[in-house]
Amino acid sequence: MKFSKILVLSLVLFATNTKATASYIEDVRSLGYVAGEGLACGAKRYPAYELISRAFLVSSASSDEEQYEGMYEYNSAKAEAYISKRQDGLLGCSNINKRFNSQKIFNSKLYKNGTIKLPDGKIIKPRQKYNPNYLYDKTKDERSALNAYYDKIMTQRQQKAQREGIYQKIKQEEAKRRR
């Protein structure tokens, strides 16, 4: 009887922990997607967003493993959104920048020990104190580097397509999509 009670309790705790992990991963993926669009469109408040979202990622993780998984998911979502927006030809960036720069996340307060006070009053304390200034280098021009990398990749793809004789077909399809 004791064994079955312990088993049921451990299953409930496991389910609760799995649900919390899934919610955390969903949250950081959403943050990453928004970051990717803001970066692609050149939003002015992108560095502040990146600092706050990375602090959330670090402070909200329940373990180092979850933090590493969260960072991977955040960066993957950010890259997907960035590439997608570049492939769209940066359409709608003025609207994206307006929405990006007026998000409630900018009303958050980030303290020196890594604690975050969200706009709704919720306080997130990190597992261990850290200096959030080391999370993101604001002086680094991430957008220019990614644009150069994206352009290089696209040039390589075009050269490969030319060699294969399908460059004209790809160009026609891109023209159709833009109309």
Protein backbone atom coordinates (compact mmCIF):
# COMPACT_ATOMS: atom_id res chain seq x y z
CA MET A 1 0.00 0.00 0.00
CA LYS A 2 2.82 2.42 0.87
CA PHE A 3 4.55 1.61 -2.40
CA SER A 4 1.44 2.46 -4.45
CA LYS A 5 1.03 5.77 -2.60
CA ILE A 6 4.68 6.65 -3.25
CA LEU A 7 4.30 5.66 -6.91
CA VAL A 8 1.18 7.82 -7.34
CA LEU A 9 2.86 10.75 -5.58
CA SER A 10 5.98 10.46 -7.73
CA LEU A 11 3.85 10.29 -10.90
CA VAL A 12 1.98 13.43 -9.87
CA LEU A 13 5.25 15.24 -9.14
CA PHE A 14 6.74 14.05 -12.44
CA ALA A 15 3.66 15.22 -14.37
CA THR A 16 3.75 18.60 -12.64
CA ASN A 17 7.48 18.97 -13.33
CA THR A 18 7.03 17.94 -16.99
CA LYS A 19 4.22 20.47 -17.37
CA ALA A 20 6.39 23.21 -15.84
CA THR A 21 9.29 22.30 -18.15
CA ALA A 22 7.01 22.36 -21.19
CA SER A 23 5.64 25.76 -20.17
CA TYR A 24 9.17 27.11 -19.66
CA ILE A 25 10.30 25.84 -23.06
CA GLU A 26 7.19 27.30 -24.74
CA ASP A 27 7.86 30.64 -23.06
CA VAL A 28 11.50 30.83 -24.16
CA ARG A 29 10.62 29.70 -27.70
CA SER A 30 8.07 32.52 -27.88
CA LEU A 31 10.64 35.00 -26.60
CA GLY A 32 13.13 33.71 -29.17
CA TYR A 33 10.68 34.05 -32.03
CA VAL A 34 9.91 37.65 -31.10
CA ALA A 35 13.65 38.36 -30.74
CA GLY A 36 14.32 36.98 -34.23
CA GLU A 37 11.71 39.22 -35.83
CA GLY A 38 12.90 42.25 -33.87
CA LEU A 39 16.49 41.57 -34.87
CA ALA A 40 15.63 41.07 -38.55
CA CYS A 41 13.61 44.27 -38.66
CA GLY A 42 16.20 46.29 -36.73
CA ALA A 43 14.01 47.23 -33.77
CA LYS A 44 15.61 50.00 -31.70
CA ARG A 45 14.84 48.36 -28.36
CA TYR A 46 16.22 44.97 -29.40
CA PRO A 47 19.29 45.06 -27.06
CA ALA A 48 17.08 45.76 -24.02
CA TYR A 49 14.68 42.99 -25.08
CA GLU A 50 17.54 40.55 -25.51
CA LEU A 51 18.90 41.34 -22.05
CA ILE A 52 15.53 40.93 -20.34
CA SER A 53 14.56 37.77 -22.22
CA ARG A 54 17.93 36.12 -21.51
CA ALA A 55 17.59 37.06 -17.84
CA PHE A 56 14.14 35.45 -17.85
CA LEU A 57 15.60 32.37 -19.48
CA VAL A 58 18.33 32.04 -16.85
CA SER A 59 16.25 33.03 -13.83
CA SER A 60 13.21 30.89 -14.68
CA ALA A 61 15.08 27.64 -15.32
CA SER A 62 14.73 25.10 -12.54
CA SER A 63 18.06 23.42 -13.30
CA ASP A 64 21.18 23.82 -15.42
CA GLU A 65 19.91 21.17 -17.84
CA GLU A 66 16.63 23.03 -18.31
CA GLN A 67 18.55 26.27 -18.81
CA TYR A 68 20.73 24.70 -21.52
CA GLU A 69 17.66 23.27 -23.24
CA GLY A 70 15.93 26.64 -22.95
CA MET A 71 18.91 28.47 -24.45
CA TYR A 72 18.98 26.03 -27.36
CA GLU A 73 15.23 26.45 -27.97
CA TYR A 74 15.48 30.24 -27.62
CA ASN A 75 18.30 30.50 -30.15
CA SER A 76 16.63 28.05 -32.55
CA ALA A 77 13.36 30.00 -32.51
CA LYS A 78 15.26 33.26 -32.91
CA ALA A 79 17.15 31.91 -35.94
CA GLU A 80 13.96 30.49 -37.51
CA ALA A 81 12.14 33.82 -37.14
CA TYR A 82 15.12 35.79 -38.43
CA ILE A 83 15.52 33.61 -41.53
CA SER A 84 11.79 33.58 -42.16
CA LYS A 85 11.58 37.37 -41.98
CA ARG A 86 14.57 37.78 -44.30
CA GLN A 87 13.04 35.34 -46.79
CA ASP A 88 9.83 37.39 -46.72
CA GLY A 89 11.86 40.38 -47.85
CA LEU A 90 11.38 42.09 -44.46
CA LEU A 91 7.73 42.77 -45.25
CA GLY A 92 5.77 44.46 -42.48
CA CYS A 93 8.82 45.52 -40.52
CA SER A 94 7.44 48.95 -39.68
CA ASN A 95 4.43 47.33 -37.95
CA ILE A 96 6.64 44.73 -36.29
CA ASN A 97 8.94 47.46 -34.95
CA LYS A 98 6.00 49.44 -33.56
CA ARG A 99 4.65 46.37 -31.75
CA PHE A 100 8.12 45.23 -30.70
CA ASN A 101 9.13 48.57 -29.19
CA SER A 102 5.88 48.91 -27.20
CA GLN A 103 5.85 45.49 -25.50
CA LYS A 104 5.04 45.20 -21.82
CA ILE A 105 8.31 43.31 -21.26
CA PHE A 106 10.09 46.68 -21.32
CA ASN A 107 8.22 47.61 -18.13
CA SER A 108 10.08 44.81 -16.33
CA LYS A 109 12.77 45.64 -13.81
CA LEU A 110 16.01 43.70 -13.89
CA TYR A 111 18.04 43.89 -10.68
CA LYS A 112 21.79 43.47 -10.24
CA ASN A 113 21.45 40.00 -8.72
CA GLY A 114 19.37 38.65 -11.65
CA THR A 115 15.95 39.05 -10.04
CA ILE A 116 13.25 40.19 -12.45
CA LYS A 117 10.07 42.04 -11.54
CA LEU A 118 7.56 41.56 -14.35
CA PRO A 119 4.98 44.23 -15.27
CA ASP A 120 2.20 42.18 -13.61
CA GLY A 121 4.09 42.33 -10.30
CA LYS A 122 5.39 38.76 -10.39
CA ILE A 123 8.95 38.43 -9.12
CA ILE A 124 11.30 35.80 -10.54
CA LYS A 125 14.35 35.06 -8.44
CA PRO A 126 17.25 33.14 -9.98
CA ARG A 127 18.54 29.84 -8.59
CA GLN A 128 21.81 31.60 -7.82
CA LYS A 129 22.84 35.23 -8.02
CA TYR A 130 24.54 36.38 -11.21
CA ASN A 131 25.37 39.63 -12.98
CA PRO A 132 22.83 40.09 -15.82
CA ASN A 133 25.15 42.52 -17.61
CA TYR A 134 27.19 39.51 -18.75
CA LEU A 135 24.20 37.88 -20.48
CA TYR A 136 24.27 40.00 -23.60
CA ASP A 137 26.92 42.22 -25.19
CA LYS A 138 25.02 45.34 -26.28
CA THR A 139 27.96 46.67 -28.28
CA LYS A 140 28.04 43.66 -30.61
CA ASP A 141 26.38 44.30 -34.00
CA GLU A 142 24.56 40.99 -34.25
CA ARG A 143 22.25 42.11 -37.04
CA SER A 144 25.01 43.09 -39.46
CA ALA A 145 26.84 39.82 -38.85
CA LEU A 146 23.68 37.78 -39.42
CA ASN A 147 22.74 39.76 -42.52
CA ALA A 148 26.20 39.15 -43.98
CA TYR A 149 25.96 35.45 -43.15
CA TYR A 150 22.45 35.21 -44.64
CA ASP A 151 23.57 37.01 -47.82
CA LYS A 152 26.57 34.70 -48.12
CA ILE A 153 24.37 31.60 -47.80
CA MET A 154 21.87 32.94 -50.33
CA THR A 155 24.66 33.75 -52.78
CA GLN A 156 26.02 30.22 -52.42
CA ARG A 157 22.54 28.81 -53.07
CA GLN A 158 22.10 30.97 -56.14
CA GLN A 159 25.48 29.92 -57.50
CA LYS A 160 24.62 26.29 -56.94
CA ALA A 161 21.25 26.75 -58.63
CA GLN A 162 22.92 28.46 -61.58
CA ARG A 163 25.30 25.56 -61.95
CA GLU A 164 22.40 23.15 -61.94
CA GLY A 165 20.53 25.20 -64.57
CA ILE A 166 17.48 26.02 -62.46
CA TYR A 167 18.33 29.58 -61.49
CA GLN A 168 15.73 31.07 -63.84
CA LYS A 169 13.01 28.83 -62.45
CA ILE A 170 13.80 29.89 -58.86
CA LYS A 171 13.86 33.56 -59.87
CA GLN A 172 10.43 33.23 -61.52
CA GLU A 173 8.99 31.53 -58.43
CA GLU A 174 10.33 34.30 -56.19
CA ALA A 175 8.77 36.92 -58.45
CA LYS A 176 5.41 35.13 -58.26
CA ARG A 177 5.59 35.03 -54.43
CA ARG A 178 6.28 38.77 -54.22
CA ARG A 179 3.23 39.69 -56.29
